[in-house]
C-alpha cells in the first residue's frame, strides 16, 4: 500500500496557497496526485494513483497559479467535466466524473504528472 501521509501532510502544510499537488513536485518520481476535494458534503483530501483523464467535456479558458512557477497566474485551457480513471491507496481501480473546481485541480495536477507546467 502507498503511504498517503507524505502527500496529504505536504498539501495541508501549504493549504493557504495550494489545493493540489503531484508527487513529482516534492521529488517523488511516481504518478500520484493529492487534492482538496470539495465536491462532496464534507471536503476531503483525496489521493489518486496513476490518474488518467479518459473523457473531457466543456472546454474553457481560465487562469491558474502554481507553486512550481514564479509570478502570477497564467492562461490555460481546462474542461468543465472530466472522467478520471485511477487507483485508490488500496490499489483498487476507480472511474469517477468530476466537475467544476475539483475537475480543474485534477487537470492541473495530471499536467504535472505529464511534465506540463502552465
PDB file of N, CA and C in Angstrom:
ATOM      1  N   UNK A   1       0.838  -1.184   0.000  1.00  0.00           N
ATOM      2  CA  UNK A   1       0.000   0.000   0.000  1.00  0.00           C
ATOM      3  C   UNK A   1       0.887   1.253   0.000  1.00  0.00           C
ATOM      4  N   UNK A   2       0.452   2.280  -0.692  1.00  0.00           N
ATOM      5  CA  UNK A   2       1.166   3.541  -0.783  1.00  0.00           C
ATOM      6  C   UNK A   2       0.883   4.377   0.469  1.00  0.00           C
ATOM      7  N   UNK A   3       1.886   5.036   0.987  1.00  0.00           N
ATOM      8  CA  UNK A   3       1.733   5.882   2.154  1.00  0.00           C
ATOM      9  C   UNK A   3       1.242   7.267   1.719  1.00  0.00           C
ATOM     10  N   UNK A   4       0.013   7.587   2.031  1.00  0.00           N
ATOM     11  CA  UNK A   4      -0.589   8.862   1.632  1.00  0.00           C
ATOM     12  C   UNK A   4      -0.192  10.004   2.539  1.00  0.00           C
ATOM     13  N   UNK A   5       0.363   9.709   3.700  1.00  0.00           N
ATOM     14  CA  UNK A   5       0.663  10.756   4.669  1.00  0.00           C
ATOM     15  C   UNK A   5       1.609  11.802   4.091  1.00  0.00           C
ATOM     16  N   UNK A   6       2.626  11.381   3.361  1.00  0.00           N
ATOM     17  CA  UNK A   6       3.575  12.320   2.761  1.00  0.00           C
ATOM     18  C   UNK A   6       2.852  13.332   1.889  1.00  0.00           C
ATOM     19  N   UNK A   7       1.919  12.869   1.078  1.00  0.00           N
ATOM     20  CA  UNK A   7       1.237  13.744   0.127  1.00  0.00           C
ATOM     21  C   UNK A   7       0.221  14.648   0.799  1.00  0.00           C
ATOM     22  N   UNK A   8      -0.591  14.096   1.663  1.00  0.00           N
ATOM     23  CA  UNK A   8      -1.602  14.923   2.314  1.00  0.00           C
ATOM     24  C   UNK A   8      -0.971  15.884   3.321  1.00  0.00           C
ATOM     25  N   UNK A   9       0.056  15.446   4.050  1.00  0.00           N
ATOM     26  CA  UNK A   9       0.718  16.341   5.005  1.00  0.00           C
ATOM     27  C   UNK A   9       1.361  17.524   4.294  1.00  0.00           C
ATOM     28  N   UNK A  10       2.002  17.280   3.161  1.00  0.00           N
ATOM     29  CA  UNK A  10       2.624  18.370   2.403  1.00  0.00           C
ATOM     30  C   UNK A  10       1.558  19.322   1.889  1.00  0.00           C
ATOM     31  N   UNK A  11       0.474  18.779   1.390  1.00  0.00           N
ATOM     32  CA  UNK A  11      -0.624  19.595   0.882  1.00  0.00           C
ATOM     33  C   UNK A  11      -1.247  20.428   2.006  1.00  0.00           C
ATOM     34  N   UNK A  12      -1.496  19.822   3.140  1.00  0.00           N
ATOM     35  CA  UNK A  12      -2.079  20.536   4.277  1.00  0.00           C
ATOM     36  C   UNK A  12      -1.128  21.625   4.774  1.00  0.00           C
ATOM     37  N   UNK A  13       0.166  21.349   4.781  1.00  0.00           N
ATOM     38  CA  UNK A  13       1.148  22.337   5.232  1.00  0.00           C
ATOM     39  C   UNK A  13       1.150  23.582   4.348  1.00  0.00           C
ATOM     40  N   UNK A  14       0.707  23.440   3.103  1.00  0.00           N
ATOM     41  CA  UNK A  14       0.672  24.566   2.163  1.00  0.00           C
ATOM     42  C   UNK A  14      -0.755  24.971   1.802  1.00  0.00           C
ATOM     43  N   UNK A  15      -1.710  24.660   2.667  1.00  0.00           N
ATOM     44  CA  UNK A  15      -3.124  24.861   2.342  1.00  0.00           C
ATOM     45  C   UNK A  15      -3.508  26.309   2.064  1.00  0.00           C
ATOM     46  N   UNK A  16      -2.741  27.261   2.569  1.00  0.00           N
ATOM     47  CA  UNK A  16      -3.073  28.665   2.314  1.00  0.00           C
ATOM     48  C   UNK A  16      -2.886  29.055   0.852  1.00  0.00           C
ATOM     49  N   UNK A  17      -2.001  28.353   0.139  1.00  0.00           N
ATOM     50  CA  UNK A  17      -1.755  28.721  -1.249  1.00  0.00           C
ATOM     51  C   UNK A  17      -1.783  27.552  -2.202  1.00  0.00           C
ATOM     52  N   UNK A  18      -2.287  26.397  -1.750  1.00  0.00           N
ATOM     53  CA  UNK A  18      -2.214  25.198  -2.578  1.00  0.00           C
ATOM     54  C   UNK A  18      -3.406  24.283  -2.302  1.00  0.00           C
ATOM     55  N   UNK A  19      -4.099  23.876  -3.373  1.00  0.00           N
ATOM     56  CA  UNK A  19      -5.243  22.967  -3.212  1.00  0.00           C
ATOM     57  C   UNK A  19      -4.985  21.603  -3.838  1.00  0.00           C
ATOM     58  N   UNK A  20      -3.817  21.453  -4.475  1.00  0.00           N
ATOM     59  CA  UNK A  20      -3.473  20.179  -5.086  1.00  0.00           C
ATOM     60  C   UNK A  20      -1.982  20.097  -5.305  1.00  0.00           C
ATOM     61  N   UNK A  21      -1.483  18.866  -5.447  1.00  0.00           N
ATOM     62  CA  UNK A  21      -0.069  18.682  -5.752  1.00  0.00           C
ATOM     63  C   UNK A  21       0.152  17.323  -6.389  1.00  0.00           C
ATOM     64  N   UNK A  22       1.211  17.249  -7.147  1.00  0.00           N
ATOM     65  CA  UNK A  22       1.632  15.997  -7.759  1.00  0.00           C
ATOM     66  C   UNK A  22       2.910  15.533  -7.065  1.00  0.00           C
ATOM     67  N   UNK A  23       3.114  14.237  -7.017  1.00  0.00           N
ATOM     68  CA  UNK A  23       4.272  13.679  -6.318  1.00  0.00           C
ATOM     69  C   UNK A  23       5.589  14.244  -6.836  1.00  0.00           C
ATOM     70  N   UNK A  24       5.663  14.488  -8.145  1.00  0.00           N
ATOM     71  CA  UNK A  24       6.933  14.989  -8.678  1.00  0.00           C
ATOM     72  C   UNK A  24       7.246  16.411  -8.206  1.00  0.00           C
ATOM     73  N   UNK A  25       6.272  17.107  -7.646  1.00  0.00           N
ATOM     74  CA  UNK A  25       6.523  18.448  -7.093  1.00  0.00           C
ATOM     75  C   UNK A  25       7.354  18.381  -5.814  1.00  0.00           C
ATOM     76  N   UNK A  26       7.352  17.210  -5.149  1.00  0.00           N
ATOM     77  CA  UNK A  26       8.141  17.058  -3.923  1.00  0.00           C
ATOM     78  C   UNK A  26       9.251  16.014  -4.122  1.00  0.00           C
ATOM     79  N   UNK A  27       9.614  15.806  -5.387  1.00  0.00           N
ATOM     80  CA  UNK A  27      10.752  14.946  -5.689  1.00  0.00           C
ATOM     81  C   UNK A  27      10.475  13.459  -5.742  1.00  0.00           C
ATOM     82  N   UNK A  28       9.222  13.061  -5.746  1.00  0.00           N
ATOM     83  CA  UNK A  28       8.873  11.644  -5.824  1.00  0.00           C
ATOM     84  C   UNK A  28       8.499  11.328  -7.269  1.00  0.00           C
ATOM     85  N   UNK A  29       9.236  10.450  -7.886  1.00  0.00           N
ATOM     86  CA  UNK A  29       9.027  10.150  -9.303  1.00  0.00           C
ATOM     87  C   UNK A  29       7.970   9.057  -9.480  1.00  0.00           C
ATOM     88  N   UNK A  30       6.769   9.403  -9.088  1.00  0.00           N
ATOM     89  CA  UNK A  30       5.626   8.499  -9.233  1.00  0.00           C
ATOM     90  C   UNK A  30       4.446   9.305  -9.741  1.00  0.00           C
ATOM     91  N   UNK A  31       3.506   8.632 -10.365  1.00  0.00           N
ATOM     92  CA  UNK A  31       2.311   9.277 -10.917  1.00  0.00           C
ATOM     93  C   UNK A  31       1.225   9.265  -9.841  1.00  0.00           C
ATOM     94  N   UNK A  32       1.337  10.218  -8.917  1.00  0.00           N
ATOM     95  CA  UNK A  32       0.410  10.319  -7.785  1.00  0.00           C
ATOM     96  C   UNK A  32       0.018  11.784  -7.639  1.00  0.00           C
ATOM     97  N   UNK A  33      -1.283  12.018  -7.412  1.00  0.00           N
ATOM     98  CA  UNK A  33      -1.733  13.373  -7.113  1.00  0.00           C
ATOM     99  C   UNK A  33      -2.544  13.359  -5.823  1.00  0.00           C
ATOM    100  N   UNK A  34      -2.546  14.497  -5.151  1.00  0.00           N
ATOM    101  CA  UNK A  34      -3.378  14.694  -3.957  1.00  0.00           C
ATOM    102  C   UNK A  34      -4.045  16.047  -4.113  1.00  0.00           C
ATOM    103  N   UNK A  35      -5.293  16.143  -3.682  1.00  0.00           N
ATOM    104  CA  UNK A  35      -6.007  17.414  -3.822  1.00  0.00           C
ATOM    105  C   UNK A  35      -7.123  17.517  -2.798  1.00  0.00           C
ATOM    106  N   UNK A  36      -7.544  18.745  -2.556  1.00  0.00           N
ATOM    107  CA  UNK A  36      -8.672  19.005  -1.677  1.00  0.00           C
ATOM    108  C   UNK A  36      -9.937  18.865  -2.514  1.00  0.00           C
ATOM    109  N   UNK A  37     -10.714  17.848  -2.236  1.00  0.00           N
ATOM    110  CA  UNK A  37     -11.943  17.565  -2.984  1.00  0.00           C
ATOM    111  C   UNK A  37     -13.128  18.141  -2.214  1.00  0.00           C
ATOM    112  N   UNK A  38     -13.661  19.236  -2.730  1.00  0.00           N
ATOM    113  CA  UNK A  38     -14.802  19.891  -2.098  1.00  0.00           C
ATOM    114  C   UNK A  38     -16.110  19.572  -2.822  1.00  0.00           C
ATOM    115  N   UNK A  39     -16.102  18.512  -3.632  1.00  0.00           N
ATOM    116  CA  UNK A  39     -17.296  18.187  -4.412  1.00  0.00           C
ATOM    117  C   UNK A  39     -18.377  17.470  -3.589  1.00  0.00           C
ATOM    118  N   UNK A  40     -18.011  16.923  -2.462  1.00  0.00           N
ATOM    119  CA  UNK A  40     -18.987  16.244  -1.609  1.00  0.00           C
ATOM    120  C   UNK A  40     -19.489  17.151  -0.498  1.00  0.00           C
ATOM    121  N   UNK A  41     -20.246  16.581   0.424  1.00  0.00           N
ATOM    122  CA  UNK A  41     -20.770  17.358   1.553  1.00  0.00           C
ATOM    123  C   UNK A  41     -19.665  17.863   2.466  1.00  0.00           C
ATOM    124  N   UNK A  42     -18.669  17.012   2.662  1.00  0.00           N
ATOM    125  CA  UNK A  42     -17.551  17.344   3.537  1.00  0.00           C
ATOM    126  C   UNK A  42     -16.271  17.360   2.699  1.00  0.00           C
ATOM    127  N   UNK A  43     -15.531  18.464   2.706  1.00  0.00           N
ATOM    128  CA  UNK A  43     -14.263  18.491   1.969  1.00  0.00           C
ATOM    129  C   UNK A  43     -13.307  17.420   2.500  1.00  0.00           C
ATOM    130  N   UNK A  44     -12.660  16.707   1.585  1.00  0.00           N
ATOM    131  CA  UNK A  44     -11.709  15.664   1.971  1.00  0.00           C
ATOM    132  C   UNK A  44     -10.467  15.756   1.088  1.00  0.00           C
ATOM    133  N   UNK A  45      -9.367  15.299   1.631  1.00  0.00           N
ATOM    134  CA  UNK A  45      -8.157  15.196   0.829  1.00  0.00           C
ATOM    135  C   UNK A  45      -8.177  13.840   0.136  1.00  0.00           C
ATOM    136  N   UNK A  46      -8.017  13.867  -1.170  1.00  0.00           N
ATOM    137  CA  UNK A  46      -8.067  12.655  -1.978  1.00  0.00           C
ATOM    138  C   UNK A  46      -6.703  12.419  -2.606  1.00  0.00           C
ATOM    139  N   UNK A  47      -6.266  11.162  -2.615  1.00  0.00           N
ATOM    140  CA  UNK A  47      -5.026  10.769  -3.273  1.00  0.00           C
ATOM    141  C   UNK A  47      -5.388   9.806  -4.398  1.00  0.00           C
ATOM    142  N   UNK A  48      -4.845  10.072  -5.585  1.00  0.00           N
ATOM    143  CA  UNK A  48      -5.067   9.215  -6.750  1.00  0.00           C
ATOM    144  C   UNK A  48      -3.734   8.685  -7.247  1.00  0.00           C
ATOM    145  N   UNK A  49      -3.679   7.392  -7.470  1.00  0.00           N
ATOM    146  CA  UNK A  49      -2.508   6.760  -8.061  1.00  0.00           C
ATOM    147  C   UNK A  49      -2.773   6.558  -9.548  1.00  0.00           C
ATOM    148  N   UNK A  50      -1.803   6.847 -10.357  1.00  0.00           N
ATOM    149  CA  UNK A  50      -1.891   6.658 -11.811  1.00  0.00           C
ATOM    150  C   UNK A  50      -3.135   7.282 -12.431  1.00  0.00           C
ATOM    151  N   UNK A  51      -3.444   8.540 -12.101  1.00  0.00           N
ATOM    152  CA  UNK A  51      -4.646   9.150 -12.660  1.00  0.00           C
ATOM    153  C   UNK A  51      -4.522   9.343 -14.176  1.00  0.00           C
ATOM    154  N   UNK A  52      -5.613   9.055 -14.859  1.00  0.00           N
ATOM    155  CA  UNK A  52      -5.667   9.212 -16.315  1.00  0.00           C
ATOM    156  C   UNK A  52      -7.019   9.821 -16.664  1.00  0.00           C
ATOM    157  N   UNK A  53      -7.004  10.963 -17.323  1.00  0.00           N
ATOM    158  CA  UNK A  53      -8.248  11.591 -17.751  1.00  0.00           C
ATOM    159  C   UNK A  53      -8.691  10.893 -19.024  1.00  0.00           C
ATOM    160  N   UNK A  54      -9.849  10.239 -18.959  1.00  0.00           N
ATOM    161  CA  UNK A  54     -10.303   9.438 -20.098  1.00  0.00           C
ATOM    162  C   UNK A  54     -11.432  10.108 -20.883  1.00  0.00           C
ATOM    163  N   UNK A  55     -11.975  11.192 -20.348  1.00  0.00           N
ATOM    164  CA  UNK A  55     -13.002  11.931 -21.069  1.00  0.00           C
ATOM    165  C   UNK A  55     -12.996  13.378 -20.589  1.00  0.00           C
ATOM    166  N   UNK A  56     -13.183  14.310 -21.533  1.00  0.00           N
ATOM    167  CA  UNK A  56     -13.217  15.747 -21.212  1.00  0.00           C
ATOM    168  C   UNK A  56     -14.409  16.353 -21.921  1.00  0.00           C
ATOM    169  N   UNK A  57     -15.049  17.327 -21.275  1.00  0.00           N
ATOM    170  CA  UNK A  57     -16.187  17.995 -21.903  1.00  0.00           C
ATOM    171  C   UNK A  57     -16.280  19.439 -21.408  1.00  0.00           C
ATOM    172  N   UNK A  58     -16.617  20.333 -22.318  1.00  0.00           N
ATOM    173  CA  UNK A  58     -16.855  21.720 -21.948  1.00  0.00           C
ATOM    174  C   UNK A  58     -15.604  22.547 -21.793  1.00  0.00           C
ATOM    175  N   UNK A  59     -14.823  22.675 -22.852  1.00  0.00           N
ATOM    176  CA  UNK A  59     -13.571  23.441 -22.788  1.00  0.00           C
ATOM    177  C   UNK A  59     -13.835  24.901 -22.439  1.00  0.00           C
ATOM    178  N   UNK A  60     -12.930  25.479 -21.647  1.00  0.00           N
ATOM    179  CA  UNK A  60     -12.985  26.902 -21.321  1.00  0.00           C
ATOM    180  C   UNK A  60     -11.573  27.387 -21.027  1.00  0.00           C
ATOM    181  N   UNK A  61     -11.362  28.689 -21.120  1.00  0.00           N
ATOM    182  CA  UNK A  61     -10.073  29.289 -20.799  1.00  0.00           C
ATOM    183  C   UNK A  61     -10.142  29.896 -19.407  1.00  0.00           C
ATOM    184  N   UNK A  62      -9.061  29.766 -18.654  1.00  0.00           N
ATOM    185  CA  UNK A  62      -9.009  30.285 -17.298  1.00  0.00           C
ATOM    186  C   UNK A  62      -7.579  30.700 -16.972  1.00  0.00           C
ATOM    187  N   UNK A  63      -7.360  31.152 -15.769  1.00  0.00           N
ATOM    188  CA  UNK A  63      -6.025  31.482 -15.270  1.00  0.00           C
ATOM    189  C   UNK A  63      -5.749  30.637 -14.033  1.00  0.00           C
ATOM    190  N   UNK A  64      -4.507  30.177 -13.918  1.00  0.00           N
ATOM    191  CA  UNK A  64      -4.107  29.393 -12.760  1.00  0.00           C
ATOM    192  C   UNK A  64      -2.733  29.820 -12.286  1.00  0.00           C
ATOM    193  N   UNK A  65      -2.527  29.692 -10.989  1.00  0.00           N
ATOM    194  CA  UNK A  65      -1.211  29.873 -10.409  1.00  0.00           C
ATOM    195  C   UNK A  65      -0.623  28.506 -10.112  1.00  0.00           C
ATOM    196  N   UNK A  66       0.656  28.493  -9.756  1.00  0.00           N
ATOM    197  CA  UNK A  66       1.323  27.224  -9.484  1.00  0.00           C
ATOM    198  C   UNK A  66       2.503  27.462  -8.555  1.00  0.00           C
ATOM    199  N   UNK A  67       2.653  26.607  -7.555  1.00  0.00           N
ATOM    200  CA  UNK A  67       3.784  26.712  -6.635  1.00  0.00           C
ATOM    201  C   UNK A  67       5.113  26.460  -7.336  1.00  0.00           C
ATOM    202  N   UNK A  68       5.071  25.775  -8.481  1.00  0.00           N
ATOM    203  CA  UNK A  68       6.296  25.451  -9.209  1.00  0.00           C
ATOM    204  C   UNK A  68       6.791  26.594 -10.083  1.00  0.00           C
ATOM    205  N   UNK A  69       6.010  27.661 -10.218  1.00  0.00           N
ATOM    206  CA  UNK A  69       6.364  28.764 -11.099  1.00  0.00           C
ATOM    207  C   UNK A  69       6.322  30.092 -10.361  1.00  0.00           C
ATOM    208  N   UNK A  70       7.272  30.941 -10.661  1.00  0.00           N
ATOM    209  CA  UNK A  70       7.270  32.290 -10.103  1.00  0.00           C
ATOM    210  C   UNK A  70       6.308  33.163 -10.891  1.00  0.00           C
ATOM    211  N   UNK A  71       5.848  34.222 -10.281  1.00  0.00           N
ATOM    212  CA  UNK A  71       4.969  35.150 -10.973  1.00  0.00           C
ATOM    213  C   UNK A  71       3.512  34.831 -10.726  1.00  0.00           C
ATOM    214  N   UNK A  72       2.675  35.587 -11.408  1.00  0.00           N
ATOM    215  CA  UNK A  72       1.244  35.465 -11.204  1.00  0.00           C
ATOM    216  C   UNK A  72       0.614  34.359 -12.026  1.00  0.00           C
ATOM    217  N   UNK A  73      -0.699  34.338 -12.017  1.00  0.00           N
ATOM    218  CA  UNK A  73      -1.446  33.328 -12.763  1.00  0.00           C
ATOM    219  C   UNK A  73      -1.156  33.382 -14.266  1.00  0.00           C
ATOM    220  N   UNK A  74      -1.339  32.237 -14.908  1.00  0.00           N
ATOM    221  CA  UNK A  74      -1.121  32.117 -16.347  1.00  0.00           C
ATOM    222  C   UNK A  74      -2.373  31.546 -17.003  1.00  0.00           C
ATOM    223  N   UNK A  75      -2.571  31.911 -18.251  1.00  0.00           N
ATOM    224  CA  UNK A  75      -3.715  31.406 -19.010  1.00  0.00           C
ATOM    225  C   UNK A  75      -3.548  29.922 -19.327  1.00  0.00           C
ATOM    226  N   UNK A  76      -4.658  29.194 -19.288  1.00  0.00           N
ATOM    227  CA  UNK A  76      -4.635  27.789 -19.669  1.00  0.00           C
ATOM    228  C   UNK A  76      -6.037  27.353 -20.098  1.00  0.00           C
ATOM    229  N   UNK A  77      -6.107  26.230 -20.767  1.00  0.00           N
ATOM    230  CA  UNK A  77      -7.371  25.651 -21.220  1.00  0.00           C
ATOM    231  C   UNK A  77      -7.725  24.495 -20.291  1.00  0.00           C
ATOM    232  N   UNK A  78      -8.951  24.481 -19.816  1.00  0.00           N
ATOM    233  CA  UNK A  78      -9.444  23.410 -18.955  1.00  0.00           C
ATOM    234  C   UNK A  78     -10.806  22.944 -19.459  1.00  0.00           C
ATOM    235  N   UNK A  79     -11.332  21.913 -18.806  1.00  0.00           N
ATOM    236  CA  UNK A  79     -12.629  21.346 -19.158  1.00  0.00           C
ATOM    237  C   UNK A  79     -13.527  21.339 -17.927  1.00  0.00           C
ATOM    238  N   UNK A  80     -14.802  21.657 -18.135  1.00  0.00           N
ATOM    239  CA  UNK A  80     -15.760  21.743 -17.024  1.00  0.00           C
ATOM    240  C   UNK A  80     -16.021  20.391 -16.379  1.00  0.00           C
ATOM    241  N   UNK A  81     -15.982  19.336 -17.187  1.00  0.00           N
ATOM    242  CA  UNK A  81     -16.260  17.993 -16.694  1.00  0.00           C
ATOM    243  C   UNK A  81     -15.197  17.030 -17.214  1.00  0.00           C
ATOM    244  N   UNK A  82     -14.690  16.184 -16.322  1.00  0.00           N
ATOM    245  CA  UNK A  82     -13.713  15.170 -16.727  1.00  0.00           C
ATOM    246  C   UNK A  82     -14.080  13.831 -16.095  1.00  0.00           C
ATOM    247  N   UNK A  83     -13.715  12.775 -16.769  1.00  0.00           N
ATOM    248  CA  UNK A  83     -13.841  11.437 -16.213  1.00  0.00           C
ATOM    249  C   UNK A  83     -12.430  10.928 -16.000  1.00  0.00           C
ATOM    250  N   UNK A  84     -12.144  10.470 -14.785  1.00  0.00           N
ATOM    251  CA  UNK A  84     -10.794  10.065 -14.409  1.00  0.00           C
ATOM    252  C   UNK A  84     -10.773   8.592 -14.016  1.00  0.00           C
ATOM    253  N   UNK A  85      -9.807   7.876 -14.563  1.00  0.00           N
ATOM    254  CA  UNK A  85      -9.546   6.501 -14.152  1.00  0.00           C
ATOM    255  C   UNK A  85      -8.298   6.550 -13.276  1.00  0.00           C
ATOM    256  N   UNK A  86      -8.362   5.936 -12.114  1.00  0.00           N
ATOM    257  CA  UNK A  86      -7.240   5.987 -11.170  1.00  0.00           C
ATOM    258  C   UNK A  86      -7.302   4.787 -10.237  1.00  0.00           C
ATOM    259  N   UNK A  87      -6.285   4.668  -9.402  1.00  0.00           N
ATOM    260  CA  UNK A  87      -6.277   3.645  -8.373  1.00  0.00           C
ATOM    261  C   UNK A  87      -6.324   4.321  -7.008  1.00  0.00           C
ATOM    262  N   UNK A  88      -7.015   3.685  -6.089  1.00  0.00           N
ATOM    263  CA  UNK A  88      -7.062   4.163  -4.708  1.00  0.00           C
ATOM    264  C   UNK A  88      -5.768   3.757  -4.006  1.00  0.00           C
ATOM    265  N   UNK A  89      -5.620   4.188  -2.772  1.00  0.00           N
ATOM    266  CA  UNK A  89      -4.454   3.800  -1.985  1.00  0.00           C
ATOM    267  C   UNK A  89      -4.406   2.294  -1.725  1.00  0.00           C
ATOM    268  N   UNK A  90      -5.555   1.654  -1.848  1.00  0.00           N
ATOM    269  CA  UNK A  90      -5.624   0.202  -1.669  1.00  0.00           C
ATOM    270  C   UNK A  90      -5.451  -0.523  -3.004  1.00  0.00           C
ATOM    271  N   UNK A  91      -5.048   0.232  -4.051  1.00  0.00           N
ATOM    272  CA  UNK A  91      -4.801  -0.269  -5.402  1.00  0.00           C
ATOM    273  C   UNK A  91      -6.056  -0.792  -6.098  1.00  0.00           C
ATOM    274  N   UNK A  92      -7.202  -0.252  -5.728  1.00  0.00           N
ATOM    275  CA  UNK A  92      -8.458  -0.576  -6.392  1.00  0.00           C
ATOM    276  C   UNK A  92      -8.678   0.426  -7.521  1.00  0.00           C
ATOM    277  N   UNK A  93      -9.037  -0.055  -8.705  1.00  0.00           N
ATOM    278  CA  UNK A  93      -9.277   0.825  -9.845  1.00  0.00           C
ATOM    279  C   UNK A  93     -10.651   1.454  -9.717  1.00  0.00           C
ATOM    280  N   UNK A  94     -10.707   2.761  -9.959  1.00  0.00           N
ATOM    281  CA  UNK A  94     -11.952   3.520  -9.905  1.00  0.00           C
ATOM    282  C   UNK A  94     -12.054   4.393 -11.152  1.00  0.00           C
ATOM    283  N   UNK A  95     -13.274   4.701 -11.533  1.00  0.00           N
ATOM    284  CA  UNK A  95     -13.562   5.683 -12.578  1.00  0.00           C
ATOM    285  C   UNK A  95     -14.599   6.617 -11.999  1.00  0.00           C
ATOM    286  N   UNK A  96     -14.298   7.920 -12.028  1.00  0.00           N
ATOM    287  CA  UNK A  96     -15.201   8.888 -11.423  1.00  0.00           C
ATOM    288  C   UNK A  96     -15.229  10.153 -12.267  1.00  0.00           C
ATOM    289  N   UNK A  97     -16.396  10.779 -12.325  1.00  0.00           N
ATOM    290  CA  UNK A  97     -16.558  12.041 -13.036  1.00  0.00           C
ATOM    291  C   UNK A  97     -16.474  13.189 -12.032  1.00  0.00           C
ATOM    292  N   UNK A  98     -15.697  14.198 -12.386  1.00  0.00           N
ATOM    293  CA  UNK A  98     -15.557  15.401 -11.575  1.00  0.00           C
ATOM    294  C   UNK A  98     -15.954  16.604 -12.415  1.00  0.00           C
ATOM    295  N   UNK A  99     -16.519  17.598 -11.743  1.00  0.00           N
ATOM    296  CA  UNK A  99     -16.899  18.832 -12.422  1.00  0.00           C
ATOM    297  C   UNK A  99     -16.374  20.021 -11.631  1.00  0.00           C
ATOM    298  N   UNK A 100     -16.402  21.186 -12.269  1.00  0.00           N
ATOM    299  CA  UNK A 100     -16.073  22.433 -11.583  1.00  0.00           C
ATOM    300  C   UNK A 100     -14.658  22.501 -11.058  1.00  0.00           C
ATOM    301  N   UNK A 101     -14.537  23.030  -9.847  1.00  0.00           N
ATOM    302  CA  UNK A 101     -13.244  23.300  -9.233  1.00  0.00           C
ATOM    303  C   UNK A 101     -12.411  22.034  -9.069  1.00  0.00           C
ATOM    304  N   UNK A 102     -13.031  20.944  -8.609  1.00  0.00           N
ATOM    305  CA  UNK A 102     -12.290  19.689  -8.439  1.00  0.00           C
ATOM    306  C   UNK A 102     -11.726  19.222  -9.776  1.00  0.00           C
ATOM    307  N   UNK A 103     -12.513  19.338 -10.840  1.00  0.00           N
ATOM    308  CA  UNK A 103     -12.042  18.945 -12.175  1.00  0.00           C
ATOM    309  C   UNK A 103     -10.844  19.782 -12.590  1.00  0.00           C
ATOM    310  N   UNK A 104     -10.891  21.073 -12.303  1.00  0.00           N
ATOM    311  CA  UNK A 104      -9.789  21.957 -12.681  1.00  0.00           C
ATOM    312  C   UNK A 104      -8.512  21.590 -11.923  1.00  0.00           C
ATOM    313  N   UNK A 105      -8.629  21.313 -10.644  1.00  0.00           N
ATOM    314  CA  UNK A 105      -7.466  20.933  -9.841  1.00  0.00           C
ATOM    315  C   UNK A 105      -6.847  19.643 -10.381  1.00  0.00           C
ATOM    316  N   UNK A 106      -7.680  18.648 -10.639  1.00  0.00           N
ATOM    317  CA  UNK A 106      -7.180  17.361 -11.139  1.00  0.00           C
ATOM    318  C   UNK A 106      -6.450  17.554 -12.462  1.00  0.00           C
ATOM    319  N   UNK A 107      -7.023  18.347 -13.367  1.00  0.00           N
ATOM    320  CA  UNK A 107      -6.367  18.583 -14.654  1.00  0.00           C
ATOM    321  C   UNK A 107      -4.993  19.212 -14.462  1.00  0.00           C
ATOM    322  N   UNK A 108      -4.891  20.167 -13.559  1.00  0.00           N
ATOM    323  CA  UNK A 108      -3.619  20.840 -13.285  1.00  0.00           C
ATOM    324  C   UNK A 108      -2.584  19.830 -12.773  1.00  0.00           C
ATOM    325  N   UNK A 109      -2.987  18.992 -11.828  1.00  0.00           N
ATOM    326  CA  UNK A 109      -2.047  18.037 -11.227  1.00  0.00           C
ATOM    327  C   UNK A 109      -1.672  16.922 -12.200  1.00  0.00           C
ATOM    328  N   UNK A 110      -2.612  16.466 -13.009  1.00  0.00           N
ATOM    329  CA  UNK A 110      -2.290  15.461 -14.032  1.00  0.00           C
ATOM    330  C   UNK A 110      -1.303  16.056 -15.041  1.00  0.00           C
ATOM    331  N   UNK A 111      -1.463  17.344 -15.357  1.00  0.00           N
ATOM    332  CA  UNK A 111      -0.481  18.016 -16.215  1.00  0.00           C
ATOM    333  C   UNK A 111       0.925  17.889 -15.599  1.00  0.00           C
ATOM    334  N   UNK A 112       1.042  18.108 -14.299  1.00  0.00           N
ATOM    335  CA  UNK A 112       2.341  17.962 -13.645  1.00  0.00           C
ATOM    336  C   UNK A 112       2.888  16.547 -13.847  1.00  0.00           C
ATOM    337  N   UNK A 113       2.043  15.548 -13.686  1.00  0.00           N
ATOM    338  CA  UNK A 113       2.475  14.159 -13.882  1.00  0.00           C
ATOM    339  C   UNK A 113       2.976  13.939 -15.309  1.00  0.00           C
ATOM    340  N   UNK A 114       2.382  14.659 -16.252  1.00  0.00           N
ATOM    341  CA  UNK A 114       2.767  14.538 -17.664  1.00  0.00           C
ATOM    342  C   UNK A 114       3.929  15.461 -18.034  1.00  0.00           C
ATOM    343  N   UNK A 115       4.475  16.186 -17.047  1.00  0.00           N
ATOM    344  CA  UNK A 115       5.601  17.075 -17.306  1.00  0.00           C
ATOM    345  C   UNK A 115       5.206  18.402 -17.905  1.00  0.00           C
ATOM    346  N   UNK A 116       3.922  18.770 -17.792  1.00  0.00           N
ATOM    347  CA  UNK A 116       3.425  20.024 -18.349  1.00  0.00           C
ATOM    348  C   UNK A 116       3.223  21.043 -17.247  1.00  0.00           C
ATOM    349  N   UNK A 117       3.813  22.218 -17.407  1.00  0.00           N
ATOM    350  CA  UNK A 117       3.586  23.331 -16.490  1.00  0.00           C
ATOM    351  C   UNK A 117       2.789  24.392 -17.234  1.00  0.00           C
ATOM    352  N   UNK A 118       1.860  25.046 -16.542  1.00  0.00           N
ATOM    353  CA  UNK A 118       1.067  26.074 -17.199  1.00  0.00           C
ATOM    354  C   UNK A 118       1.913  27.277 -17.525  1.00  0.00           C
TER     355      UNK A 118
END
